[in-house]
């Protein structure tokens, strides 16, 4: 059980990159993540955390990765390897099934979808911080993909901006277990105020003050 209290008015659920290409069978990156998704039961846990947050009246925010489009990087001087790799696979291509949100994470009325981030941090060059602050959010619960890139970067940036961060350890995934372990065991303790399993987060949310 977490000692953290998730007040409805000051807590937000932050779902990072819930694309079919990541978490649906047949997605161009699913095969890379499949082993950790199945080991952690990632998608089901993401759904459980989302349902618990909705039940508690906590607002949902989605931080989506840039959707690939032909010619996006033609004039770029420097393209990081992670970005180049995703681009070569045409990951999250605009207008495609892979570049659409998994159906269980489609936004509902009242949810907020931030501007797309180009590399890893859901905050960098987007309006995510503005959306959270305008909603009065002080605590963020983070789930989604990929653990050692977008999750890690978004978690760090949130802490830098002064948010109380909760990382849900089994509602994330990556290309291998080492990537997940690096984020959860080495990096998160420096940035996340709470590092919890799905069960622990749900238990805490059930005590959310209304």
N, C-alpha and C. Protein backbone atom coordinates (compact mmCIF):
# COMPACT_ATOMS: atom_id res chain seq x y z
N UNK A 1 0.86 -1.19 0.00
CA UNK A 1 0.00 0.00 0.00
C UNK A 1 0.89 1.25 0.00
N UNK A 2 0.56 2.22 -0.84
CA UNK A 2 1.34 3.45 -0.91
C UNK A 2 0.90 4.42 0.17
N UNK A 3 1.87 5.20 0.69
CA UNK A 3 1.55 6.25 1.64
C UNK A 3 1.03 7.49 0.91
N UNK A 4 1.19 7.53 -0.42
CA UNK A 4 0.76 8.67 -1.20
C UNK A 4 -0.76 8.71 -1.31
N UNK A 5 -1.31 9.91 -1.12
CA UNK A 5 -2.74 10.12 -1.31
C UNK A 5 -2.94 10.81 -2.65
N UNK A 6 -3.77 10.25 -3.49
CA UNK A 6 -3.99 10.81 -4.83
C UNK A 6 -5.31 11.58 -4.85
N UNK A 7 -5.21 12.87 -4.51
CA UNK A 7 -6.40 13.70 -4.50
C UNK A 7 -6.93 13.88 -5.92
N UNK A 8 -8.22 13.79 -6.07
CA UNK A 8 -8.85 13.87 -7.39
C UNK A 8 -8.48 15.16 -8.13
N UNK A 9 -8.51 16.27 -7.44
CA UNK A 9 -8.33 17.57 -8.10
C UNK A 9 -6.88 17.88 -8.45
N UNK A 10 -5.93 17.18 -7.83
CA UNK A 10 -4.53 17.54 -8.06
C UNK A 10 -3.71 16.40 -8.66
N UNK A 11 -4.38 15.33 -9.07
CA UNK A 11 -3.67 14.19 -9.65
C UNK A 11 -4.08 13.99 -11.10
N UNK A 12 -3.12 13.63 -11.94
CA UNK A 12 -3.41 13.30 -13.32
C UNK A 12 -2.77 11.98 -13.71
N UNK A 13 -3.45 11.20 -14.51
CA UNK A 13 -2.86 9.99 -15.09
C UNK A 13 -2.23 10.37 -16.42
N UNK A 14 -0.97 10.06 -16.59
CA UNK A 14 -0.24 10.39 -17.80
C UNK A 14 0.08 9.10 -18.56
N UNK A 15 -0.56 8.93 -19.72
CA UNK A 15 -0.36 7.74 -20.56
C UNK A 15 0.56 8.13 -21.71
N UNK A 16 1.71 7.49 -21.76
CA UNK A 16 2.71 7.84 -22.77
C UNK A 16 2.67 6.84 -23.93
N UNK A 17 2.45 7.35 -25.13
CA UNK A 17 2.55 6.59 -26.38
C UNK A 17 1.73 5.30 -26.43
N UNK A 18 0.42 5.39 -26.19
CA UNK A 18 -0.40 4.17 -26.24
C UNK A 18 -0.80 3.77 -27.66
N UNK A 19 0.19 3.70 -28.54
CA UNK A 19 -0.06 3.43 -29.95
C UNK A 19 -0.18 1.93 -30.24
N UNK A 20 -0.96 1.61 -31.27
CA UNK A 20 -1.03 0.22 -31.73
C UNK A 20 0.35 -0.31 -32.12
N UNK A 21 1.18 0.53 -32.71
CA UNK A 21 2.52 0.08 -33.11
C UNK A 21 3.33 -0.43 -31.93
N UNK A 22 3.03 0.04 -30.73
CA UNK A 22 3.74 -0.40 -29.54
C UNK A 22 3.06 -1.58 -28.85
N UNK A 23 1.74 -1.49 -28.62
CA UNK A 23 1.10 -2.41 -27.67
C UNK A 23 0.05 -3.32 -28.28
N UNK A 24 -0.09 -3.30 -29.60
CA UNK A 24 -1.03 -4.21 -30.26
C UNK A 24 -0.28 -5.19 -31.14
N UNK A 25 -0.68 -6.44 -31.12
CA UNK A 25 -0.05 -7.44 -31.99
C UNK A 25 -0.16 -6.99 -33.44
N UNK A 26 0.96 -7.07 -34.15
CA UNK A 26 0.99 -6.59 -35.52
C UNK A 26 1.61 -5.21 -35.66
N UNK A 27 1.77 -4.50 -34.54
CA UNK A 27 2.42 -3.19 -34.58
C UNK A 27 3.89 -3.33 -34.91
N UNK A 28 4.47 -2.33 -35.57
CA UNK A 28 5.84 -2.46 -36.05
C UNK A 28 6.86 -2.55 -34.91
N UNK A 29 6.51 -2.07 -33.73
CA UNK A 29 7.42 -2.17 -32.59
C UNK A 29 6.96 -3.20 -31.56
N UNK A 30 5.81 -3.80 -31.80
CA UNK A 30 5.27 -4.75 -30.82
C UNK A 30 6.20 -5.94 -30.63
N UNK A 31 6.76 -6.44 -31.71
CA UNK A 31 7.65 -7.60 -31.61
C UNK A 31 8.85 -7.34 -30.73
N UNK A 32 9.35 -6.11 -30.74
CA UNK A 32 10.48 -5.77 -29.89
C UNK A 32 10.08 -5.75 -28.42
N UNK A 33 8.83 -5.38 -28.17
CA UNK A 33 8.35 -5.21 -26.79
C UNK A 33 7.58 -6.42 -26.26
N UNK A 34 7.28 -7.35 -27.13
CA UNK A 34 6.35 -8.43 -26.78
C UNK A 34 6.75 -9.18 -25.51
N UNK A 35 8.02 -9.50 -25.37
CA UNK A 35 8.45 -10.29 -24.22
C UNK A 35 8.18 -9.57 -22.91
N UNK A 36 8.51 -8.30 -22.83
CA UNK A 36 8.28 -7.58 -21.57
C UNK A 36 6.81 -7.26 -21.38
N UNK A 37 6.08 -7.02 -22.47
CA UNK A 37 4.64 -6.79 -22.36
C UNK A 37 3.96 -8.01 -21.75
N UNK A 38 4.35 -9.18 -22.22
CA UNK A 38 3.72 -10.41 -21.71
C UNK A 38 4.19 -10.74 -20.30
N UNK A 39 5.46 -10.52 -20.02
CA UNK A 39 5.99 -10.83 -18.69
C UNK A 39 5.35 -9.95 -17.62
N UNK A 40 5.20 -8.67 -17.94
CA UNK A 40 4.65 -7.72 -16.97
C UNK A 40 3.14 -7.60 -17.04
N UNK A 41 2.54 -8.17 -18.09
CA UNK A 41 1.11 -8.01 -18.34
C UNK A 41 0.78 -6.52 -18.52
N UNK A 42 1.64 -5.86 -19.27
CA UNK A 42 1.63 -4.41 -19.38
C UNK A 42 0.30 -3.83 -19.81
N UNK A 43 -0.24 -4.32 -20.91
CA UNK A 43 -1.45 -3.70 -21.46
C UNK A 43 -2.62 -3.85 -20.50
N UNK A 44 -2.78 -5.04 -19.93
CA UNK A 44 -3.86 -5.24 -18.97
C UNK A 44 -3.68 -4.35 -17.74
N UNK A 45 -2.44 -4.20 -17.30
CA UNK A 45 -2.20 -3.34 -16.14
C UNK A 45 -2.44 -1.87 -16.48
N UNK A 46 -2.07 -1.47 -17.69
CA UNK A 46 -2.38 -0.10 -18.11
C UNK A 46 -3.89 0.13 -18.07
N UNK A 47 -4.64 -0.84 -18.56
CA UNK A 47 -6.10 -0.72 -18.58
C UNK A 47 -6.66 -0.66 -17.16
N UNK A 48 -6.10 -1.44 -16.25
CA UNK A 48 -6.58 -1.46 -14.87
C UNK A 48 -6.29 -0.13 -14.17
N UNK A 49 -5.10 0.41 -14.41
CA UNK A 49 -4.78 1.72 -13.81
C UNK A 49 -5.69 2.80 -14.38
N UNK A 50 -5.91 2.76 -15.68
CA UNK A 50 -6.80 3.74 -16.31
C UNK A 50 -8.20 3.64 -15.73
N UNK A 51 -8.71 2.44 -15.60
CA UNK A 51 -10.07 2.26 -15.06
C UNK A 51 -10.16 2.77 -13.63
N UNK A 52 -9.13 2.49 -12.84
CA UNK A 52 -9.14 2.94 -11.45
C UNK A 52 -9.08 4.47 -11.36
N UNK A 53 -8.32 5.08 -12.25
CA UNK A 53 -8.24 6.55 -12.26
C UNK A 53 -9.57 7.15 -12.69
N UNK A 54 -10.18 6.58 -13.70
CA UNK A 54 -11.49 7.09 -14.13
C UNK A 54 -12.51 6.95 -13.00
N UNK A 55 -12.49 5.82 -12.32
CA UNK A 55 -13.43 5.61 -11.22
C UNK A 55 -13.22 6.63 -10.11
N UNK A 56 -11.94 6.98 -9.87
CA UNK A 56 -11.63 7.95 -8.82
C UNK A 56 -11.85 9.39 -9.25
N UNK A 57 -12.20 9.60 -10.53
CA UNK A 57 -12.44 10.95 -11.02
C UNK A 57 -11.18 11.71 -11.37
N UNK A 58 -10.09 10.97 -11.56
CA UNK A 58 -8.81 11.59 -11.90
C UNK A 58 -8.73 11.82 -13.41
N UNK A 59 -8.29 13.01 -13.80
CA UNK A 59 -8.24 13.36 -15.22
C UNK A 59 -7.12 12.61 -15.94
N UNK A 60 -7.37 12.29 -17.19
CA UNK A 60 -6.44 11.52 -18.01
C UNK A 60 -5.77 12.42 -19.03
N UNK A 61 -4.45 12.28 -19.16
CA UNK A 61 -3.65 13.02 -20.12
C UNK A 61 -2.88 12.01 -20.97
N UNK A 62 -2.84 12.25 -22.27
CA UNK A 62 -2.07 11.39 -23.17
C UNK A 62 -0.91 12.19 -23.75
N UNK A 63 0.28 11.60 -23.68
CA UNK A 63 1.48 12.23 -24.22
C UNK A 63 1.96 11.40 -25.41
N UNK A 64 1.55 11.77 -26.62
CA UNK A 64 1.84 10.94 -27.80
C UNK A 64 3.16 11.31 -28.48
N UNK A 65 3.82 10.29 -29.00
CA UNK A 65 5.02 10.49 -29.81
C UNK A 65 4.62 11.07 -31.17
N UNK A 66 5.57 11.76 -31.78
CA UNK A 66 5.34 12.31 -33.13
C UNK A 66 4.95 11.19 -34.10
N UNK A 67 3.92 11.44 -34.87
CA UNK A 67 3.51 10.46 -35.89
C UNK A 67 4.36 10.67 -37.15
N UNK A 68 4.96 9.59 -37.61
CA UNK A 68 5.85 9.66 -38.77
C UNK A 68 5.12 10.13 -40.02
N UNK A 69 5.78 11.03 -40.76
CA UNK A 69 5.28 11.49 -42.05
C UNK A 69 6.46 11.55 -43.02
N UNK A 70 6.20 11.29 -44.27
CA UNK A 70 7.26 11.32 -45.28
C UNK A 70 7.92 12.69 -45.31
N UNK A 71 9.26 12.69 -45.25
CA UNK A 71 10.01 13.93 -45.36
C UNK A 71 10.21 14.70 -44.08
N UNK A 72 9.75 14.15 -42.95
CA UNK A 72 9.85 14.87 -41.67
C UNK A 72 11.27 15.31 -41.33
N UNK A 73 12.25 14.46 -41.64
CA UNK A 73 13.60 14.71 -41.15
C UNK A 73 14.60 15.06 -42.26
N UNK A 74 14.10 15.41 -43.43
CA UNK A 74 14.98 15.64 -44.57
C UNK A 74 16.00 16.75 -44.32
N UNK A 75 15.62 17.79 -43.61
CA UNK A 75 16.52 18.93 -43.41
C UNK A 75 17.13 18.96 -41.99
N UNK A 76 16.96 17.89 -41.27
CA UNK A 76 17.52 17.85 -39.92
C UNK A 76 19.03 17.66 -39.99
N UNK A 77 19.76 18.41 -39.19
CA UNK A 77 21.21 18.26 -39.14
C UNK A 77 21.64 17.08 -38.27
N UNK A 78 20.89 16.87 -37.18
CA UNK A 78 21.27 15.83 -36.22
C UNK A 78 20.03 15.03 -35.82
N UNK A 79 20.04 13.77 -36.11
CA UNK A 79 18.92 12.91 -35.73
C UNK A 79 19.44 11.83 -34.79
N UNK A 80 19.00 11.82 -33.52
CA UNK A 80 19.48 10.82 -32.56
C UNK A 80 19.15 9.40 -33.02
N UNK A 81 19.94 8.41 -32.60
CA UNK A 81 19.73 7.03 -33.04
C UNK A 81 18.33 6.49 -32.78
N UNK A 82 17.77 6.78 -31.61
CA UNK A 82 16.43 6.27 -31.31
C UNK A 82 15.40 6.82 -32.29
N UNK A 83 15.55 8.08 -32.61
CA UNK A 83 14.63 8.71 -33.55
C UNK A 83 14.83 8.17 -34.96
N UNK A 84 16.08 7.98 -35.34
CA UNK A 84 16.39 7.45 -36.66
C UNK A 84 15.84 6.03 -36.81
N UNK A 85 15.95 5.23 -35.74
CA UNK A 85 15.45 3.87 -35.79
C UNK A 85 13.95 3.81 -35.97
N UNK A 86 13.24 4.62 -35.21
CA UNK A 86 11.78 4.66 -35.33
C UNK A 86 11.36 5.17 -36.71
N UNK A 87 12.12 6.15 -37.21
CA UNK A 87 11.81 6.70 -38.53
C UNK A 87 12.01 5.68 -39.63
N UNK A 88 13.06 4.87 -39.51
CA UNK A 88 13.33 3.86 -40.54
C UNK A 88 12.23 2.82 -40.61
N UNK A 89 11.56 2.59 -39.48
CA UNK A 89 10.46 1.63 -39.43
C UNK A 89 9.11 2.28 -39.72
N UNK A 90 9.12 3.60 -39.90
CA UNK A 90 7.89 4.37 -40.09
C UNK A 90 6.92 4.15 -38.94
N UNK A 91 7.49 4.11 -37.74
CA UNK A 91 6.67 3.88 -36.55
C UNK A 91 5.69 5.02 -36.33
N UNK A 92 4.49 4.65 -35.91
CA UNK A 92 3.42 5.60 -35.59
C UNK A 92 3.07 6.48 -36.80
N UNK A 93 3.09 5.90 -37.97
CA UNK A 93 2.84 6.67 -39.19
C UNK A 93 1.45 7.31 -39.15
N UNK A 94 1.42 8.57 -39.51
CA UNK A 94 0.17 9.33 -39.50
C UNK A 94 -0.85 8.71 -40.44
N UNK A 95 -2.08 8.59 -39.97
CA UNK A 95 -3.16 8.07 -40.80
C UNK A 95 -3.21 6.57 -40.91
N UNK A 96 -2.38 5.86 -40.15
CA UNK A 96 -2.36 4.40 -40.21
C UNK A 96 -2.91 3.81 -38.92
N UNK A 97 -3.19 2.51 -38.98
CA UNK A 97 -3.62 1.78 -37.76
C UNK A 97 -2.53 1.83 -36.71
N UNK A 98 -1.28 1.63 -37.11
CA UNK A 98 -0.17 1.64 -36.16
C UNK A 98 0.02 2.97 -35.48
N UNK A 99 -0.30 4.04 -36.18
CA UNK A 99 -0.18 5.38 -35.62
C UNK A 99 -1.43 5.85 -34.91
N UNK A 100 -2.36 4.94 -34.68
CA UNK A 100 -3.58 5.25 -33.92
C UNK A 100 -3.43 4.70 -32.50
N UNK A 101 -4.15 5.30 -31.57
CA UNK A 101 -4.12 4.81 -30.20
C UNK A 101 -4.80 3.45 -30.12
N UNK A 102 -4.26 2.58 -29.28
CA UNK A 102 -4.92 1.32 -28.95
C UNK A 102 -6.36 1.65 -28.54
N UNK A 103 -7.34 0.88 -29.00
CA UNK A 103 -8.74 1.24 -28.74
C UNK A 103 -9.11 1.42 -27.28
N UNK A 104 -8.43 0.73 -26.38
CA UNK A 104 -8.75 0.87 -24.96
C UNK A 104 -8.21 2.16 -24.36
N UNK A 105 -7.39 2.88 -25.14
CA UNK A 105 -6.81 4.13 -24.63
C UNK A 105 -7.18 5.33 -25.49
N UNK A 106 -8.21 5.18 -26.29
CA UNK A 106 -8.73 6.31 -27.04
C UNK A 106 -9.25 7.36 -26.07
N UNK A 107 -8.94 8.63 -26.31
CA UNK A 107 -9.40 9.67 -25.37
C UNK A 107 -10.91 9.79 -25.34
N UNK A 108 -11.42 10.08 -24.17
CA UNK A 108 -12.84 10.33 -23.96
C UNK A 108 -13.04 11.83 -23.72
N UNK A 109 -14.27 12.30 -23.81
CA UNK A 109 -14.51 13.71 -23.48
C UNK A 109 -13.98 14.05 -22.09
N UNK A 110 -13.23 15.12 -22.01
CA UNK A 110 -12.63 15.51 -20.75
C UNK A 110 -11.17 15.10 -20.61
N UNK A 111 -10.74 14.12 -21.41
CA UNK A 111 -9.32 13.76 -21.43
C UNK A 111 -8.56 14.82 -22.22
N UNK A 112 -7.27 14.91 -21.96
CA UNK A 112 -6.44 15.88 -22.67
C UNK A 112 -5.34 15.17 -23.43
N UNK A 113 -5.16 15.53 -24.69
CA UNK A 113 -4.10 14.97 -25.52
C UNK A 113 -3.09 16.07 -25.81
N UNK A 114 -1.87 15.88 -25.33
CA UNK A 114 -0.83 16.89 -25.52
C UNK A 114 -0.32 16.88 -26.95
N UNK A 115 0.40 17.93 -27.30
CA UNK A 115 1.08 17.95 -28.59
C UNK A 115 2.10 16.81 -28.65
N UNK A 116 2.37 16.35 -29.85
CA UNK A 116 3.26 15.21 -30.02
C UNK A 116 4.71 15.59 -29.74
N UNK A 117 5.40 14.72 -28.98
CA UNK A 117 6.82 14.95 -28.72
C UNK A 117 7.67 14.29 -29.80
N UNK A 118 8.76 14.94 -30.17
CA UNK A 118 9.58 14.48 -31.29
C UNK A 118 10.51 13.34 -30.93
N UNK A 119 10.97 13.30 -29.68
CA UNK A 119 11.94 12.27 -29.33
C UNK A 119 11.48 11.45 -28.13
N UNK A 120 11.74 11.91 -26.91
CA UNK A 120 11.41 11.08 -25.75
C UNK A 120 10.54 11.76 -24.70
N UNK A 121 10.88 12.97 -24.30
CA UNK A 121 10.13 13.61 -23.23
C UNK A 121 8.77 14.09 -23.69
N UNK A 122 7.75 13.70 -22.95
CA UNK A 122 6.41 14.18 -23.26
C UNK A 122 6.24 15.67 -23.04
N UNK A 123 7.20 16.29 -22.35
CA UNK A 123 7.13 17.72 -22.04
C UNK A 123 7.88 18.59 -23.04
N UNK A 124 8.99 18.09 -23.57
CA UNK A 124 9.84 18.93 -24.40
C UNK A 124 9.14 19.34 -25.69
N UNK A 125 9.06 20.65 -25.93
CA UNK A 125 8.44 21.21 -27.15
C UNK A 125 6.97 20.83 -27.30
N UNK A 126 6.29 20.61 -26.18
CA UNK A 126 4.86 20.32 -26.22
C UNK A 126 4.13 21.21 -25.22
N UNK A 127 2.81 21.07 -25.17
CA UNK A 127 2.00 21.85 -24.23
C UNK A 127 1.57 21.03 -23.02
N UNK A 128 2.26 19.90 -22.76
CA UNK A 128 1.84 19.02 -21.67
C UNK A 128 1.87 19.73 -20.31
N UNK A 129 2.94 20.45 -20.03
CA UNK A 129 3.04 21.15 -18.75
C UNK A 129 1.90 22.16 -18.59
N UNK A 130 1.59 22.88 -19.66
CA UNK A 130 0.49 23.84 -19.61
C UNK A 130 -0.83 23.14 -19.32
N UNK A 131 -1.09 22.03 -20.00
CA UNK A 131 -2.34 21.31 -19.80
C UNK A 131 -2.47 20.80 -18.37
N UNK A 132 -1.38 20.27 -17.83
CA UNK A 132 -1.41 19.77 -16.46
C UNK A 132 -1.64 20.91 -15.47
N UNK A 133 -0.91 21.99 -15.62
CA UNK A 133 -1.01 23.10 -14.66
C UNK A 133 -2.37 23.78 -14.75
N UNK A 134 -2.90 23.92 -15.94
CA UNK A 134 -4.22 24.54 -16.08
C UNK A 134 -5.32 23.66 -15.47
N UNK A 135 -5.03 22.39 -15.30
CA UNK A 135 -5.98 21.48 -14.66
C UNK A 135 -5.72 21.35 -13.16
N UNK A 136 -4.71 22.06 -12.67
CA UNK A 136 -4.41 22.01 -11.25
C UNK A 136 -3.65 20.78 -10.81
N UNK A 137 -3.04 20.09 -11.75
CA UNK A 137 -2.36 18.84 -11.43
C UNK A 137 -1.01 19.11 -10.78
N UNK A 138 -0.76 18.40 -9.68
CA UNK A 138 0.51 18.45 -8.98
C UNK A 138 1.19 17.09 -8.92
N UNK A 139 0.39 16.04 -9.05
CA UNK A 139 0.91 14.67 -9.00
C UNK A 139 0.57 13.96 -10.30
N UNK A 140 1.55 13.27 -10.87
CA UNK A 140 1.29 12.51 -12.10
C UNK A 140 1.61 11.04 -11.88
N UNK A 141 0.72 10.20 -12.34
CA UNK A 141 0.92 8.75 -12.36
C UNK A 141 1.26 8.39 -13.80
N UNK A 142 2.43 7.78 -14.01
CA UNK A 142 2.92 7.56 -15.37
C UNK A 142 2.88 6.09 -15.75
N UNK A 143 2.27 5.82 -16.92
CA UNK A 143 2.24 4.48 -17.49
C UNK A 143 2.50 4.60 -19.00
N UNK A 144 2.81 3.47 -19.64
CA UNK A 144 2.98 3.49 -21.09
C UNK A 144 4.33 2.96 -21.53
N UNK A 145 4.78 3.43 -22.68
CA UNK A 145 6.02 2.94 -23.28
C UNK A 145 6.86 4.09 -23.79
N UNK A 146 8.06 3.84 -24.04
CA UNK A 146 8.96 2.72 -23.76
C UNK A 146 9.75 3.06 -22.51
N UNK A 147 9.97 2.11 -21.64
CA UNK A 147 10.47 2.39 -20.30
C UNK A 147 11.71 3.27 -20.27
N UNK A 148 12.75 2.88 -21.01
CA UNK A 148 14.04 3.56 -20.88
C UNK A 148 14.19 4.76 -21.80
N UNK A 149 13.16 5.08 -22.57
CA UNK A 149 13.23 6.26 -23.43
C UNK A 149 12.14 7.25 -23.01
N UNK A 150 10.94 7.11 -23.56
CA UNK A 150 9.91 8.11 -23.30
C UNK A 150 9.42 8.13 -21.85
N UNK A 151 9.29 6.96 -21.23
CA UNK A 151 8.87 6.94 -19.83
C UNK A 151 9.93 7.58 -18.95
N UNK A 152 11.17 7.16 -19.13
CA UNK A 152 12.27 7.68 -18.33
C UNK A 152 12.40 9.19 -18.50
N UNK A 153 12.41 9.66 -19.75
CA UNK A 153 12.58 11.08 -20.02
C UNK A 153 11.42 11.91 -19.47
N UNK A 154 10.21 11.41 -19.64
CA UNK A 154 9.03 12.13 -19.15
C UNK A 154 9.02 12.18 -17.64
N UNK A 155 9.38 11.08 -17.01
CA UNK A 155 9.47 11.02 -15.54
C UNK A 155 10.48 12.04 -15.02
N UNK A 156 11.65 12.09 -15.62
CA UNK A 156 12.69 13.02 -15.19
C UNK A 156 12.25 14.47 -15.37
N UNK A 157 11.67 14.75 -16.53
CA UNK A 157 11.26 16.12 -16.83
C UNK A 157 10.15 16.56 -15.87
N UNK A 158 9.23 15.64 -15.56
CA UNK A 158 8.16 15.97 -14.63
C UNK A 158 8.74 16.34 -13.27
N UNK A 159 9.72 15.58 -12.83
CA UNK A 159 10.36 15.89 -11.55
C UNK A 159 11.07 17.24 -11.59
N UNK A 160 11.74 17.53 -12.71
CA UNK A 160 12.42 18.81 -12.87
C UNK A 160 11.43 19.97 -12.77
N UNK A 161 10.21 19.76 -13.25
CA UNK A 161 9.19 20.80 -13.25
C UNK A 161 8.45 20.91 -11.92
N UNK A 162 8.77 20.02 -10.99
CA UNK A 162 8.19 20.12 -9.66
C UNK A 162 6.99 19.23 -9.39
N UNK A 163 6.67 18.32 -10.30
CA UNK A 163 5.55 17.40 -10.08
C UNK A 163 5.97 16.26 -9.15
N UNK A 164 5.02 15.79 -8.37
CA UNK A 164 5.17 14.54 -7.62
C UNK A 164 4.91 13.42 -8.63
N UNK A 165 5.88 12.53 -8.79
CA UNK A 165 5.81 11.51 -9.84
C UNK A 165 5.61 10.12 -9.23
N UNK A 166 4.66 9.38 -9.79
CA UNK A 166 4.49 7.97 -9.49
C UNK A 166 4.76 7.17 -10.75
N UNK A 167 5.68 6.22 -10.68
CA UNK A 167 5.95 5.31 -11.79
C UNK A 167 5.31 3.97 -11.47
N UNK A 168 4.49 3.47 -12.39
CA UNK A 168 3.84 2.18 -12.20
C UNK A 168 4.70 1.12 -12.88
N UNK A 169 5.32 0.28 -12.10
CA UNK A 169 6.41 -0.58 -12.57
C UNK A 169 6.01 -1.68 -13.54
N UNK A 170 4.74 -2.11 -13.48
CA UNK A 170 4.30 -3.19 -14.36
C UNK A 170 3.25 -2.71 -15.36
N UNK A 171 3.17 -1.40 -15.53
CA UNK A 171 2.31 -0.82 -16.57
C UNK A 171 3.16 -0.07 -17.58
N UNK A 172 4.39 -0.56 -17.74
CA UNK A 172 5.34 -0.05 -18.72
C UNK A 172 5.95 -1.26 -19.43
N UNK A 173 6.70 -1.02 -20.48
CA UNK A 173 7.39 -2.11 -21.18
C UNK A 173 8.54 -1.52 -21.97
N UNK A 174 9.39 -2.40 -22.51
CA UNK A 174 10.54 -1.96 -23.29
C UNK A 174 10.98 -3.10 -24.19
N UNK A 175 12.11 -2.93 -24.84
CA UNK A 175 12.59 -3.95 -25.79
C UNK A 175 13.15 -5.17 -25.08
N UNK A 176 13.55 -5.01 -23.81
CA UNK A 176 14.04 -6.16 -23.05
C UNK A 176 13.95 -5.86 -21.56
N UNK A 177 14.14 -6.88 -20.75
CA UNK A 177 13.99 -6.73 -19.29
C UNK A 177 15.04 -5.81 -18.69
N UNK A 178 16.22 -5.79 -19.28
CA UNK A 178 17.28 -4.93 -18.75
C UNK A 178 16.89 -3.46 -18.87
N UNK A 179 16.24 -3.09 -19.98
CA UNK A 179 15.80 -1.71 -20.14
C UNK A 179 14.79 -1.33 -19.06
N UNK A 180 13.86 -2.24 -18.79
CA UNK A 180 12.87 -1.98 -17.75
C UNK A 180 13.56 -1.85 -16.39
N UNK A 181 14.46 -2.78 -16.09
CA UNK A 181 15.15 -2.78 -14.80
C UNK A 181 15.97 -1.51 -14.60
N UNK A 182 16.61 -1.04 -15.67
CA UNK A 182 17.41 0.18 -15.56
C UNK A 182 16.54 1.36 -15.16
N UNK A 183 15.37 1.46 -15.79
CA UNK A 183 14.46 2.55 -15.46
C UNK A 183 13.91 2.43 -14.04
N UNK A 184 13.42 1.24 -13.70
CA UNK A 184 12.75 1.05 -12.41
C UNK A 184 13.73 1.04 -11.24
N UNK A 185 14.85 0.34 -11.41
CA UNK A 185 15.75 0.12 -10.28
C UNK A 185 16.85 1.17 -10.14
N UNK A 186 17.31 1.72 -11.25
CA UNK A 186 18.43 2.65 -11.20
C UNK A 186 18.01 4.11 -11.32
N UNK A 187 17.11 4.40 -12.26
CA UNK A 187 16.78 5.80 -12.54
C UNK A 187 15.59 6.33 -11.73
N UNK A 188 14.53 5.54 -11.65
CA UNK A 188 13.32 6.02 -10.97
C UNK A 188 13.55 6.44 -9.53
N UNK A 189 14.37 5.75 -8.74
CA UNK A 189 14.54 6.18 -7.35
C UNK A 189 15.05 7.61 -7.18
N UNK A 190 15.68 8.16 -8.21
CA UNK A 190 16.17 9.53 -8.14
C UNK A 190 15.12 10.56 -8.52
N UNK A 191 14.05 10.13 -9.17
CA UNK A 191 13.09 11.09 -9.74
C UNK A 191 11.64 10.85 -9.33
N UNK A 192 11.27 9.61 -9.09
CA UNK A 192 9.88 9.29 -8.76
C UNK A 192 9.70 9.25 -7.24
N UNK A 193 8.72 9.98 -6.77
CA UNK A 193 8.43 9.98 -5.34
C UNK A 193 7.76 8.69 -4.90
N UNK A 194 7.12 8.01 -5.85
CA UNK A 194 6.50 6.71 -5.57
C UNK A 194 6.77 5.77 -6.74
N UNK A 195 7.21 4.57 -6.43
CA UNK A 195 7.49 3.54 -7.43
C UNK A 195 6.65 2.34 -7.04
N UNK A 196 5.54 2.14 -7.73
CA UNK A 196 4.52 1.21 -7.27
C UNK A 196 4.08 0.24 -8.35
N UNK A 197 3.61 -0.91 -7.91
CA UNK A 197 2.98 -1.86 -8.82
C UNK A 197 1.55 -1.41 -9.12
N UNK A 198 0.95 -2.04 -10.11
CA UNK A 198 -0.45 -1.75 -10.42
C UNK A 198 -1.34 -1.99 -9.22
N UNK A 199 -1.13 -3.09 -8.53
CA UNK A 199 -1.95 -3.42 -7.37
C UNK A 199 -1.85 -2.33 -6.30
N UNK A 200 -0.63 -1.84 -6.06
CA UNK A 200 -0.44 -0.82 -5.03
C UNK A 200 -1.07 0.51 -5.42
N UNK A 201 -0.97 0.86 -6.70
CA UNK A 201 -1.58 2.11 -7.16
C UNK A 201 -3.09 2.04 -7.04
N UNK A 202 -3.67 0.93 -7.46
CA UNK A 202 -5.12 0.78 -7.37
C UNK A 202 -5.58 0.84 -5.92
N UNK A 203 -4.83 0.20 -5.04
CA UNK A 203 -5.19 0.23 -3.61
C UNK A 203 -5.16 1.66 -3.09
N UNK A 204 -4.15 2.43 -3.51
CA UNK A 204 -4.07 3.83 -3.09
C UNK A 204 -5.20 4.65 -3.68
N UNK A 205 -5.53 4.38 -4.94
CA UNK A 205 -6.60 5.14 -5.60
C UNK A 205 -7.96 4.87 -4.97
N UNK A 206 -8.14 3.68 -4.43
CA UNK A 206 -9.42 3.36 -3.79
C UNK A 206 -9.65 4.21 -2.54
N UNK A 207 -8.56 4.78 -2.02
CA UNK A 207 -8.69 5.67 -0.88
C UNK A 207 -8.64 7.14 -1.27
N UNK A 208 -8.78 7.42 -2.57
CA UNK A 208 -8.70 8.79 -3.06
C UNK A 208 -9.82 9.66 -2.46
N UNK A 209 -9.44 10.79 -1.83
CA UNK A 209 -10.47 11.71 -1.32
C UNK A 209 -11.30 12.28 -2.47
N UNK A 210 -12.59 12.30 -2.30
CA UNK A 210 -13.49 12.83 -3.33
C UNK A 210 -13.77 14.31 -3.07
